[in-house]
C-alpha atoms as a PDB file:
ATOM      1  CA  UNK A   1      75.512 144.557 147.307  1.00  0.00           C
ATOM      2  CA  UNK A   2      76.506 147.086 149.958  1.00  0.00           C
ATOM      3  CA  UNK A   3      77.690 149.867 147.865  1.00  0.00           C
ATOM      4  CA  UNK A   4      74.114 149.163 146.074  1.00  0.00           C
ATOM      5  CA  UNK A   5      72.520 150.004 149.876  1.00  0.00           C
ATOM      6  CA  UNK A   6      74.869 152.712 150.111  1.00  0.00           C
ATOM      7  CA  UNK A   7      73.929 154.279 146.189  1.00  0.00           C
ATOM      8  CA  UNK A   8      70.444 154.087 147.480  1.00  0.00           C
ATOM      9  CA  UNK A   9      70.552 155.773 150.470  1.00  0.00           C
ATOM     10  CA  UNK A  10      72.969 158.184 149.492  1.00  0.00           C
ATOM     11  CA  UNK A  11      70.385 158.936 146.554  1.00  0.00           C
ATOM     12  CA  UNK A  12      67.479 158.838 148.689  1.00  0.00           C
ATOM     13  CA  UNK A  13      69.244 161.694 151.385  1.00  0.00           C
ATOM     14  CA  UNK A  14      69.888 163.850 148.479  1.00  0.00           C
ATOM     15  CA  UNK A  15      67.009 163.912 147.199  1.00  0.00           C
ATOM     16  CA  UNK A  16      65.261 164.834 150.083  1.00  0.00           C
ATOM     17  CA  UNK A  17      63.061 161.632 150.664  1.00  0.00           C
ATOM     18  CA  UNK A  18      65.061 160.666 154.175  1.00  0.00           C
ATOM     19  CA  UNK A  19      65.480 156.886 155.716  1.00  0.00           C
ATOM     20  CA  UNK A  20      64.008 155.846 158.728  1.00  0.00           C
ATOM     21  CA  UNK A  21      66.650 156.167 161.609  1.00  0.00           C
ATOM     22  CA  UNK A  22      66.833 152.716 162.900  1.00  0.00           C
ATOM     23  CA  UNK A  23      69.623 153.116 165.818  1.00  0.00           C
ATOM     24  CA  UNK A  24      72.463 155.483 166.248  1.00  0.00           C
ATOM     25  CA  UNK A  25      76.327 155.354 165.943  1.00  0.00           C
ATOM     26  CA  UNK A  26      77.143 157.995 168.358  1.00  0.00           C
ATOM     27  CA  UNK A  27      75.089 159.204 171.649  1.00  0.00           C
ATOM     28  CA  UNK A  28      76.119 161.443 174.657  1.00  0.00           C
ATOM     29  CA  UNK A  29      78.663 159.945 176.904  1.00  0.00           C
ATOM     30  CA  UNK A  30      77.006 160.556 180.183  1.00  0.00           C
ATOM     31  CA  UNK A  31      73.812 158.570 179.228  1.00  0.00           C
ATOM     32  CA  UNK A  32      71.607 157.274 176.539  1.00  0.00           C
ATOM     33  CA  UNK A  33      69.768 159.817 174.948  1.00  0.00           C
ATOM     34  CA  UNK A  34      66.249 159.620 176.184  1.00  0.00           C
ATOM     35  CA  UNK A  35      62.674 159.958 173.796  1.00  0.00           C
ATOM     36  CA  UNK A  36      62.060 163.782 173.307  1.00  0.00           C
ATOM     37  CA  UNK A  37      58.620 164.997 174.224  1.00  0.00           C
ATOM     38  CA  UNK A  38      57.170 168.412 173.359  1.00  0.00           C
ATOM     39  CA  UNK A  39      56.434 171.094 176.165  1.00  0.00           C
ATOM     40  CA  UNK A  40      59.088 168.251 177.815  1.00  0.00           C
ATOM     41  CA  UNK A  41      62.527 168.595 176.875  1.00  0.00           C
ATOM     42  CA  UNK A  42      62.303 170.243 173.642  1.00  0.00           C
ATOM     43  CA  UNK A  43      60.271 173.022 171.792  1.00  0.00           C
ATOM     44  CA  UNK A  44      60.019 173.334 168.429  1.00  0.00           C
ATOM     45  CA  UNK A  45      58.665 176.501 166.399  1.00  0.00           C
ATOM     46  CA  UNK A  46      57.355 176.394 163.027  1.00  0.00           C
ATOM     47  CA  UNK A  47      57.848 180.423 160.749  1.00  0.00           C
ATOM     48  CA  UNK A  48      56.106 181.208 157.602  1.00  0.00           C
ATOM     49  CA  UNK A  49      57.341 183.505 155.232  1.00  0.00           C
ATOM     50  CA  UNK A  50      54.645 184.905 152.426  1.00  0.00           C
ATOM     51  CA  UNK A  51      56.093 186.768 149.716  1.00  0.00           C
ATOM     52  CA  UNK A  52      53.513 188.068 147.365  1.00  0.00           C
ATOM     53  CA  UNK A  53      53.629 189.243 143.280  1.00  0.00           C
ATOM     54  CA  UNK A  54      54.480 192.525 144.457  1.00  0.00           C
ATOM     55  CA  UNK A  55      57.480 191.950 146.966  1.00  0.00           C
ATOM     56  CA  UNK A  56      55.172 192.573 149.706  1.00  0.00           C
ATOM     57  CA  UNK A  57      55.362 189.952 152.944  1.00  0.00           C
ATOM     58  CA  UNK A  58      52.616 188.816 155.047  1.00  0.00           C
ATOM     59  CA  UNK A  59      53.157 190.133 159.139  1.00  0.00           C
ATOM     60  CA  UNK A  60      50.347 189.874 161.657  1.00  0.00           C
ATOM     61  CA  UNK A  61      50.327 192.295 164.334  1.00  0.00           C
ATOM     62  CA  UNK A  62      51.052 190.648 167.952  1.00  0.00           C
ATOM     63  CA  UNK A  63      48.557 190.076 170.595  1.00  0.00           C
ATOM     64  CA  UNK A  64      50.472 189.222 173.689  1.00  0.00           C
ATOM     65  CA  UNK A  65      50.694 191.314 176.796  1.00  0.00           C
ATOM     66  CA  UNK A  66      54.580 191.613 176.309  1.00  0.00           C
ATOM     67  CA  UNK A  67      54.625 192.176 172.465  1.00  0.00           C
ATOM     68  CA  UNK A  68      51.050 194.002 171.933  1.00  0.00           C
ATOM     69  CA  UNK A  69      50.877 196.202 168.907  1.00  0.00           C
ATOM     70  CA  UNK A  70      54.575 194.820 167.384  1.00  0.00           C
ATOM     71  CA  UNK A  71      55.216 193.067 164.002  1.00  0.00           C
ATOM     72  CA  UNK A  72      56.549 189.787 163.138  1.00  0.00           C
ATOM     73  CA  UNK A  73      56.017 186.901 160.759  1.00  0.00           C
ATOM     74  CA  UNK A  74      53.274 184.306 161.567  1.00  0.00           C
ATOM     75  CA  UNK A  75      55.023 181.849 164.037  1.00  0.00           C
ATOM     76  CA  UNK A  76      54.182 179.616 166.830  1.00  0.00           C
ATOM     77  CA  UNK A  77      55.254 176.622 168.867  1.00  0.00           C
ATOM     78  CA  UNK A  78      54.485 172.991 167.366  1.00  0.00           C
ATOM     79  CA  UNK A  79      51.759 170.737 169.124  1.00  0.00           C
ATOM     80  CA  UNK A  80      52.178 167.576 170.410  1.00  0.00           C
ATOM     81  CA  UNK A  81      50.638 165.242 168.141  1.00  0.00           C
ATOM     82  CA  UNK A  82      51.178 167.404 164.690  1.00  0.00           C
ATOM     83  CA  UNK A  83      53.284 167.319 161.939  1.00  0.00           C
ATOM     84  CA  UNK A  84      55.425 170.149 160.858  1.00  0.00           C
ATOM     85  CA  UNK A  85      53.499 171.311 158.093  1.00  0.00           C
ATOM     86  CA  UNK A  86      50.298 170.727 160.214  1.00  0.00           C
ATOM     87  CA  UNK A  87      51.643 172.877 163.116  1.00  0.00           C
ATOM     88  CA  UNK A  88      52.849 175.436 160.244  1.00  0.00           C
ATOM     89  CA  UNK A  89      49.256 175.848 158.794  1.00  0.00           C
ATOM     90  CA  UNK A  90      47.391 175.801 162.018  1.00  0.00           C
ATOM     91  CA  UNK A  91      49.654 178.724 163.383  1.00  0.00           C
ATOM     92  CA  UNK A  92      49.242 180.726 159.775  1.00  0.00           C
ATOM     93  CA  UNK A  93      45.245 180.056 159.922  1.00  0.00           C
ATOM     94  CA  UNK A  94      44.868 181.356 163.906  1.00  0.00           C
ATOM     95  CA  UNK A  95      47.566 184.481 163.178  1.00  0.00           C
ATOM     96  CA  UNK A  96      46.730 185.575 159.614  1.00  0.00           C
ATOM     97  CA  UNK A  97      43.254 183.841 158.940  1.00  0.00           C
ATOM     98  CA  UNK A  98      44.947 182.179 155.127  1.00  0.00           C
ATOM     99  CA  UNK A  99      45.241 178.619 154.343  1.00  0.00           C
ATOM    100  CA  UNK A 100      48.430 178.257 153.302  1.00  0.00           C
ATOM    101  CA  UNK A 101      50.650 175.832 151.926  1.00  0.00           C
ATOM    102  CA  UNK A 102      54.634 175.339 152.252  1.00  0.00           C
ATOM    103  CA  UNK A 103      56.881 175.460 149.107  1.00  0.00           C
ATOM    104  CA  UNK A 104      60.282 174.643 150.828  1.00  0.00           C
ATOM    105  CA  UNK A 105      61.907 174.646 154.043  1.00  0.00           C
ATOM    106  CA  UNK A 106      64.296 177.861 154.386  1.00  0.00           C
ATOM    107  CA  UNK A 107      66.259 178.103 156.996  1.00  0.00           C
ATOM    108  CA  UNK A 108      66.562 175.741 160.125  1.00  0.00           C
ATOM    109  CA  UNK A 109      67.692 177.528 163.460  1.00  0.00           C
ATOM    110  CA  UNK A 110      68.922 176.432 166.630  1.00  0.00           C
ATOM    111  CA  UNK A 111      69.771 176.984 170.650  1.00  0.00           C
ATOM    112  CA  UNK A 112      70.971 173.803 171.123  1.00  0.00           C
ATOM    113  CA  UNK A 113      68.426 170.391 170.655  1.00  0.00           C
ATOM    114  CA  UNK A 114      65.924 171.712 172.829  1.00  0.00           C
ATOM    115  CA  UNK A 115      64.903 174.517 170.636  1.00  0.00           C
ATOM    116  CA  UNK A 116      64.912 174.522 167.063  1.00  0.00           C
ATOM    117  CA  UNK A 117      63.067 176.761 164.192  1.00  0.00           C
ATOM    118  CA  UNK A 118      61.748 176.313 161.360  1.00  0.00           C
ATOM    119  CA  UNK A 119      60.984 178.981 158.560  1.00  0.00           C
ATOM    120  CA  UNK A 120      59.450 178.027 155.452  1.00  0.00           C
ATOM    121  CA  UNK A 121      58.475 179.999 152.099  1.00  0.00           C
ATOM    122  CA  UNK A 122      54.740 179.525 151.887  1.00  0.00           C
ATOM    123  CA  UNK A 123      52.165 180.286 149.808  1.00  0.00           C
ATOM    124  CA  UNK A 124      48.466 181.739 150.588  1.00  0.00           C
ATOM    125  CA  UNK A 125      45.291 179.010 149.407  1.00  0.00           C
ATOM    126  CA  UNK A 126      42.360 180.082 150.563  1.00  0.00           C
ATOM    127  CA  UNK A 127      41.453 182.107 153.858  1.00  0.00           C
ATOM    128  CA  UNK A 128      40.512 185.368 154.706  1.00  0.00           C
ATOM    129  CA  UNK A 129      42.844 187.958 155.918  1.00  0.00           C
ATOM    130  CA  UNK A 130      42.501 188.811 159.787  1.00  0.00           C
ATOM    131  CA  UNK A 131      41.122 192.330 159.996  1.00  0.00           C
ATOM    132  CA  UNK A 132      40.980 194.323 163.686  1.00  0.00           C
ATOM    133  CA  UNK A 133      37.377 193.526 163.848  1.00  0.00           C
ATOM    134  CA  UNK A 134      38.848 189.536 163.926  1.00  0.00           C
ATOM    135  CA  UNK A 135      41.275 190.237 167.183  1.00  0.00           C
ATOM    136  CA  UNK A 136      41.879 187.535 169.507  1.00  0.00           C
ATOM    137  CA  UNK A 137      44.319 185.986 171.806  1.00  0.00           C
ATOM    138  CA  UNK A 138      46.089 185.228 168.771  1.00  0.00           C
ATOM    139  CA  UNK A 139      47.131 188.228 166.930  1.00  0.00           C
ATOM    140  CA  UNK A 140      45.286 191.558 166.551  1.00  0.00           C
ATOM    141  CA  UNK A 141      45.286 191.650 162.457  1.00  0.00           C
ATOM    142  CA  UNK A 142      47.808 190.236 159.424  1.00  0.00           C
ATOM    143  CA  UNK A 143      48.756 192.296 156.353  1.00  0.00           C
ATOM    144  CA  UNK A 144      50.539 192.587 153.330  1.00  0.00           C
ATOM    145  CA  UNK A 145      53.404 195.304 153.681  1.00  0.00           C
ATOM    146  CA  UNK A 146      56.151 196.438 151.440  1.00  0.00           C
ATOM    147  CA  UNK A 147      59.439 194.372 151.785  1.00  0.00           C
ATOM    148  CA  UNK A 148      61.599 197.221 151.638  1.00  0.00           C
ATOM    149  CA  UNK A 149      58.977 199.166 153.938  1.00  0.00           C
ATOM    150  CA  UNK A 150      58.094 196.814 157.152  1.00  0.00           C
ATOM    151  CA  UNK A 151      55.805 197.856 159.825  1.00  0.00           C
ATOM    152  CA  UNK A 152      57.286 199.256 162.778  1.00  0.00           C
ATOM    153  CA  UNK A 153      57.806 198.414 165.621  1.00  0.00           C
ATOM    154  CA  UNK A 154      58.974 195.253 165.027  1.00  0.00           C
ATOM    155  CA  UNK A 155      58.651 192.295 167.894  1.00  0.00           C
ATOM    156  CA  UNK A 156      62.360 191.345 166.967  1.00  0.00           C
ATOM    157  CA  UNK A 157      64.310 192.187 163.816  1.00  0.00           C
ATOM    158  CA  UNK A 158      65.477 188.860 163.183  1.00  0.00           C
ATOM    159  CA  UNK A 159      62.690 188.047 160.910  1.00  0.00           C
ATOM    160  CA  UNK A 160      64.723 190.552 158.591  1.00  0.00           C
ATOM    161  CA  UNK A 161      67.221 187.893 157.550  1.00  0.00           C
ATOM    162  CA  UNK A 162      64.458 185.760 156.990  1.00  0.00           C
ATOM    163  CA  UNK A 163      62.589 187.939 154.879  1.00  0.00           C
ATOM    164  CA  UNK A 164      65.836 188.581 152.618  1.00  0.00           C
ATOM    165  CA  UNK A 165      66.352 185.018 152.285  1.00  0.00           C
ATOM    166  CA  UNK A 166      62.806 184.468 150.906  1.00  0.00           C
ATOM    167  CA  UNK A 167      63.463 187.009 148.640  1.00  0.00           C
ATOM    168  CA  UNK A 168      67.232 185.780 147.248  1.00  0.00           C
ATOM    169  CA  UNK A 169      65.247 182.105 147.456  1.00  0.00           C
ATOM    170  CA  UNK A 170      62.376 183.439 144.790  1.00  0.00           C
ATOM    171  CA  UNK A 171      65.396 185.097 142.761  1.00  0.00           C
ATOM    172  CA  UNK A 172      67.701 181.918 142.448  1.00  0.00           C
ATOM    173  CA  UNK A 173      66.965 179.129 144.129  1.00  0.00           C
ATOM    174  CA  UNK A 174      70.323 177.997 146.458  1.00  0.00           C
ATOM    175  CA  UNK A 175      68.980 174.602 146.623  1.00  0.00           C
ATOM    176  CA  UNK A 176      66.211 172.402 145.688  1.00  0.00           C
ATOM    177  CA  UNK A 177      62.153 172.541 147.017  1.00  0.00           C
ATOM    178  CA  UNK A 178      62.114 170.573 150.468  1.00  0.00           C
ATOM    179  CA  UNK A 179      59.495 169.631 152.596  1.00  0.00           C
ATOM    180  CA  UNK A 180      59.814 167.635 155.911  1.00  0.00           C
ATOM    181  CA  UNK A 181      59.398 163.468 155.429  1.00  0.00           C
ATOM    182  CA  UNK A 182      56.941 162.236 157.939  1.00  0.00           C
ATOM    183  CA  UNK A 183      59.099 159.111 159.532  1.00  0.00           C
ATOM    184  CA  UNK A 184      59.032 158.596 163.028  1.00  0.00           C
ATOM    185  CA  UNK A 185      61.939 159.263 165.403  1.00  0.00           C
ATOM    186  CA  UNK A 186      62.123 159.380 168.566  1.00  0.00           C
ATOM    187  CA  UNK A 187      65.296 161.489 168.946  1.00  0.00           C
ATOM    188  CA  UNK A 188      66.869 164.509 167.768  1.00  0.00           C
ATOM    189  CA  UNK A 189      69.721 163.009 165.904  1.00  0.00           C
ATOM    190  CA  UNK A 190      71.430 164.277 162.766  1.00  0.00           C
ATOM    191  CA  UNK A 191      72.354 161.375 159.934  1.00  0.00           C
ATOM    192  CA  UNK A 192      75.857 162.150 158.323  1.00  0.00           C
ATOM    193  CA  UNK A 193      76.697 163.003 154.396  1.00  0.00           C
ATOM    194  CA  UNK A 194      80.171 163.433 156.047  1.00  0.00           C
ATOM    195  CA  UNK A 195      82.411 164.077 152.548  1.00  0.00           C
ATOM    196  CA  UNK A 196      86.245 164.014 151.933  1.00  0.00           C
ATOM    197  CA  UNK A 197      87.280 165.613 148.278  1.00  0.00           C
ATOM    198  CA  UNK A 198      89.985 165.689 146.454  1.00  0.00           C
ATOM    199  CA  UNK A 199      90.493 165.953 142.300  1.00  0.00           C
ATOM    200  CA  UNK A 200      86.856 165.868 141.577  1.00  0.00           C
ATOM    201  CA  UNK A 201      86.956 162.430 143.802  1.00  0.00           C
ATOM    202  CA  UNK A 202      84.295 162.143 146.752  1.00  0.00           C
ATOM    203  CA  UNK A 203      84.815 159.839 149.753  1.00  0.00           C
ATOM    204  CA  UNK A 204      81.718 159.630 152.003  1.00  0.00           C
ATOM    205  CA  UNK A 205      82.113 158.519 155.705  1.00  0.00           C
ATOM    206  CA  UNK A 206      79.779 155.153 156.431  1.00  0.00           C
ATOM    207  CA  UNK A 207      79.090 153.061 159.938  1.00  0.00           C
ATOM    208  CA  UNK A 208      79.629 149.598 159.665  1.00  0.00           C
ATOM    209  CA  UNK A 209      78.104 148.409 162.700  1.00  0.00           C
ATOM    210  CA  UNK A 210      74.915 146.347 161.175  1.00  0.00           C
ATOM    211  CA  UNK A 211      74.596 146.849 157.274  1.00  0.00           C
ATOM    212  CA  UNK A 212      76.924 149.370 156.445  1.00  0.00           C
ATOM    213  CA  UNK A 213      75.021 152.882 156.304  1.00  0.00           C
ATOM    214  CA  UNK A 214      75.012 156.673 156.751  1.00  0.00           C
ATOM    215  CA  UNK A 215      76.104 157.193 160.202  1.00  0.00           C
ATOM    216  CA  UNK A 216      73.744 158.474 162.841  1.00  0.00           C
ATOM    217  CA  UNK A 217      74.723 161.081 165.524  1.00  0.00           C
ATOM    218  CA  UNK A 218      72.213 161.372 168.385  1.00  0.00           C
ATOM    219  CA  UNK A 219      71.963 165.411 170.483  1.00  0.00           C
ATOM    220  CA  UNK A 220      72.369 165.039 174.156  1.00  0.00           C
ATOM    221  CA  UNK A 221      70.529 167.353 176.678  1.00  0.00           C
ATOM    222  CA  UNK A 222      73.678 168.080 179.076  1.00  0.00           C
ATOM    223  CA  UNK A 223      74.710 171.979 179.017  1.00  0.00           C
ATOM    224  CA  UNK A 224      77.982 171.629 177.315  1.00  0.00           C
ATOM    225  CA  UNK A 225      76.168 169.866 174.055  1.00  0.00           C
ATOM    226  CA  UNK A 226      73.235 172.607 174.376  1.00  0.00           C
ATOM    227  CA  UNK A 227      75.484 175.162 174.543  1.00  0.00           C
ATOM    228  CA  UNK A 228      77.526 174.715 172.140  1.00  0.00           C
ATOM    229  CA  UNK A 229      74.400 173.595 169.401  1.00  0.00           C
ATOM    230  CA  UNK A 230      73.437 170.689 167.641  1.00  0.00           C
ATOM    231  CA  UNK A 231      77.180 170.852 165.722  1.00  0.00           C
ATOM    232  CA  UNK A 232      78.462 168.728 169.311  1.00  0.00           C
ATOM    233  CA  UNK A 233      77.077 165.424 167.804  1.00  0.00           C
ATOM    234  CA  UNK A 234      78.471 165.987 164.732  1.00  0.00           C
ATOM    235  CA  UNK A 235      82.012 166.419 165.940  1.00  0.00           C
ATOM    236  CA  UNK A 236      81.269 163.709 168.736  1.00  0.00           C
ATOM    237  CA  UNK A 237      80.964 161.120 166.003  1.00  0.00           C
ATOM    238  CA  UNK A 238      83.830 162.182 163.909  1.00  0.00           C
ATOM    239  CA  UNK A 239      86.319 162.459 167.332  1.00  0.00           C
ATOM    240  CA  UNK A 240      85.424 158.720 168.036  1.00  0.00           C
ATOM    241  CA  UNK A 241      86.638 157.909 164.605  1.00  0.00           C
ATOM    242  CA  UNK A 242      89.019 160.368 163.131  1.00  0.00           C
ATOM    243  CA  UNK A 243      91.830 162.475 164.794  1.00  0.00           C
ATOM    244  CA  UNK A 244      90.369 165.686 164.615  1.00  0.00           C
ATOM    245  CA  UNK A 245      93.477 168.152 165.668  1.00  0.00           C
ATOM    246  CA  UNK A 246      94.631 168.919 161.845  1.00  0.00           C
ATOM    247  CA  UNK A 247      91.651 168.580 160.442  1.00  0.00           C
ATOM    248  CA  UNK A 248      88.462 171.087 159.357  1.00  0.00           C
ATOM    249  CA  UNK A 249      85.186 169.591 159.859  1.00  0.00           C
ATOM    250  CA  UNK A 250      82.494 172.229 158.596  1.00  0.00           C
ATOM    251  CA  UNK A 251      78.292 171.567 158.543  1.00  0.00           C
ATOM    252  CA  UNK A 252      77.244 172.877 155.582  1.00  0.00           C
ATOM    253  CA  UNK A 253      73.521 172.794 155.965  1.00  0.00           C
ATOM    254  CA  UNK A 254      70.560 171.156 155.468  1.00  0.00           C
ATOM    255  CA  UNK A 255      69.817 167.953 152.741  1.00  0.00           C
ATOM    256  CA  UNK A 256      66.231 167.042 154.366  1.00  0.00           C
ATOM    257  CA  UNK A 257      64.226 166.907 157.740  1.00  0.00           C
ATOM    258  CA  UNK A 258      62.342 164.069 159.318  1.00  0.00           C
ATOM    259  CA  UNK A 259      59.407 163.914 161.728  1.00  0.00           C
ATOM    260  CA  UNK A 260      56.135 163.034 161.683  1.00  0.00           C
ATOM    261  CA  UNK A 261      54.965 163.772 165.810  1.00  0.00           C
ATOM    262  CA  UNK A 262      52.043 160.747 166.194  1.00  0.00           C
ATOM    263  CA  UNK A 263      52.245 158.081 168.451  1.00  0.00           C
ATOM    264  CA  UNK A 264      54.752 160.403 170.716  1.00  0.00           C
ATOM    265  CA  UNK A 265      57.324 159.923 167.855  1.00  0.00           C
ATOM    266  CA  UNK A 266      58.320 163.747 168.208  1.00  0.00           C
ATOM    267  CA  UNK A 267      61.515 162.980 167.509  1.00  0.00           C
ATOM    268  CA  UNK A 268      63.645 164.803 164.102  1.00  0.00           C
ATOM    269  CA  UNK A 269      66.395 163.499 161.693  1.00  0.00           C
ATOM    270  CA  UNK A 270      68.388 166.015 160.006  1.00  0.00           C
ATOM    271  CA  UNK A 271      70.420 164.720 157.337  1.00  0.00           C
ATOM    272  CA  UNK A 272      73.374 167.105 157.221  1.00  0.00           C
ATOM    273  CA  UNK A 273      75.972 167.582 154.749  1.00  0.00           C
ATOM    274  CA  UNK A 274      79.605 167.883 156.509  1.00  0.00           C
ATOM    275  CA  UNK A 275      82.796 168.210 155.035  1.00  0.00           C
ATOM    276  CA  UNK A 276      86.084 167.354 156.628  1.00  0.00           C
ATOM    277  CA  UNK A 277      89.371 168.438 155.152  1.00  0.00           C
ATOM    278  CA  UNK A 278      92.703 168.598 156.423  1.00  0.00           C
ATOM    279  CA  UNK A 279      94.096 171.779 157.847  1.00  0.00           C
ATOM    280  CA  UNK A 280      97.118 171.567 155.532  1.00  0.00           C
ATOM    281  CA  UNK A 281      96.416 169.542 152.476  1.00  0.00           C
ATOM    282  CA  UNK A 282      99.830 169.715 150.867  1.00  0.00           C
ATOM    283  CA  UNK A 283      99.500 166.387 148.775  1.00  0.00           C
ATOM    284  CA  UNK A 284      97.144 164.516 150.959  1.00  0.00           C
ATOM    285  CA  UNK A 285      94.581 163.221 148.295  1.00  0.00           C
ATOM    286  CA  UNK A 286      93.495 160.287 150.382  1.00  0.00           C
ATOM    287  CA  UNK A 287      91.078 160.744 153.260  1.00  0.00           C
ATOM    288  CA  UNK A 288      92.113 161.025 157.036  1.00  0.00           C
ATOM    289  CA  UNK A 289      92.677 157.486 158.742  1.00  0.00           C
ATOM    290  CA  UNK A 290      89.450 156.015 160.190  1.00  0.00           C
ATOM    291  CA  UNK A 291      90.565 154.730 163.880  1.00  0.00           C
ATOM    292  CA  UNK A 292      88.752 151.130 164.565  1.00  0.00           C
ATOM    293  CA  UNK A 293      86.478 149.357 162.830  1.00  0.00           C
ATOM    294  CA  UNK A 294      83.060 151.122 163.436  1.00  0.00           C
ATOM    295  CA  UNK A 295      83.654 153.358 160.024  1.00  0.00           C
ATOM    296  CA  UNK A 296      85.053 153.427 156.926  1.00  0.00           C
ATOM    297  CA  UNK A 297      85.472 156.114 153.858  1.00  0.00           C
ATOM    298  CA  UNK A 298      83.597 155.092 150.877  1.00  0.00           C
ATOM    299  CA  UNK A 299      84.528 156.202 147.728  1.00  0.00           C
ATOM    300  CA  UNK A 300      81.662 157.557 145.344  1.00  0.00           C
ATOM    301  CA  UNK A 301      82.082 155.649 141.861  1.00  0.00           C
ATOM    302  CA  UNK A 302      79.184 156.557 140.097  1.00  0.00           C
ATOM    303  CA  UNK A 303      79.222 159.517 138.071  1.00  0.00           C
ATOM    304  CA  UNK A 304      75.956 160.811 138.584  1.00  0.00           C
ATOM    305  CA  UNK A 305      76.317 160.916 142.758  1.00  0.00           C
ATOM    306  CA  UNK A 306      79.829 162.250 142.581  1.00  0.00           C
ATOM    307  CA  UNK A 307      78.196 164.784 140.155  1.00  0.00           C
ATOM    308  CA  UNK A 308      75.269 165.498 142.422  1.00  0.00           C
ATOM    309  CA  UNK A 309      77.684 165.994 145.654  1.00  0.00           C
ATOM    310  CA  UNK A 310      80.338 168.189 143.947  1.00  0.00           C
ATOM    311  CA  UNK A 311      77.445 170.614 142.831  1.00  0.00           C
ATOM    312  CA  UNK A 312      75.915 170.784 146.337  1.00  0.00           C
ATOM    313  CA  UNK A 313      79.672 171.379 148.022  1.00  0.00           C
ATOM    314  CA  UNK A 314      79.985 173.893 145.132  1.00  0.00           C
ATOM    315  CA  UNK A 315      77.294 175.924 145.487  1.00  0.00           C
ATOM    316  CA  UNK A 316      76.322 175.164 149.331  1.00  0.00           C
ATOM    317  CA  UNK A 317      72.766 173.744 147.772  1.00  0.00           C
ATOM    318  CA  UNK A 318      71.539 173.193 151.281  1.00  0.00           C
ATOM    319  CA  UNK A 319      69.123 174.549 153.470  1.00  0.00           C
ATOM    320  CA  UNK A 320      71.134 176.782 155.798  1.00  0.00           C
ATOM    321  CA  UNK A 321      71.409 176.051 159.730  1.00  0.00           C
ATOM    322  CA  UNK A 322      71.833 178.997 161.951  1.00  0.00           C
ATOM    323  CA  UNK A 323      72.596 179.557 165.514  1.00  0.00           C
END
């Protein structure tokens, strides 16, 4: 019965559908993680990349005093009570004058759990492009520009990577279309699909407290976890059950994103694909030994699930998480 539940959970996460966060398996040592609140202890930013059929990019001209006249992608901070998609659509309307629809999450960027930016490949669905006559405190104007010849000055060079990422995705999608799932969460946390592979066999780490489940680690806001980024929470959970000094651990990227934003639930859950491997593989065909009774390695025997995992690992078919 436990295997059936795990198969269902893994299928949901690989399909980008997500699962309700009931509890967490690892939390920061100093103190229990406090519920997160926008504008108090977390900041989420949304950003839109538009590419039209002429390979042109939609840019907005900044109105803020510190960067007035420079160009940037439509972007801004989320407000309390918004979903991620609502925030994206509001920012695009305010800055560019357009209604829009997100097609897929392109990238997640973080500076620790207190600042996270979500970049989307987006398409216009209506509205009228903002002209200098409509200039206001949000932006001076918006316009389409050739991807290889963007206007200057740019507010920051970081958008060049995102524009290229969008162009690459349109040419060859590395991961399935992925949009946020509207599921409530009170923390910034990560659900791990932590894998060990050997000769076309995959094992997945499972938490045992309560019903067997994919483990969840809560991010902390202490200076060390903030400086180290969200990967620190992944390493903390694995350190609690594995001997890491002889292992290589890598977060491959995002399989799914969960957030609601209603009723003071400002937390997010990122479903992440993680690999665990021996630094010196040798003849090690079994996963590393688990300490304690709170976790175990589950061997994925269902062929379809195994193939999905192997393909995702082989092709890095995930949304990148950048720092």
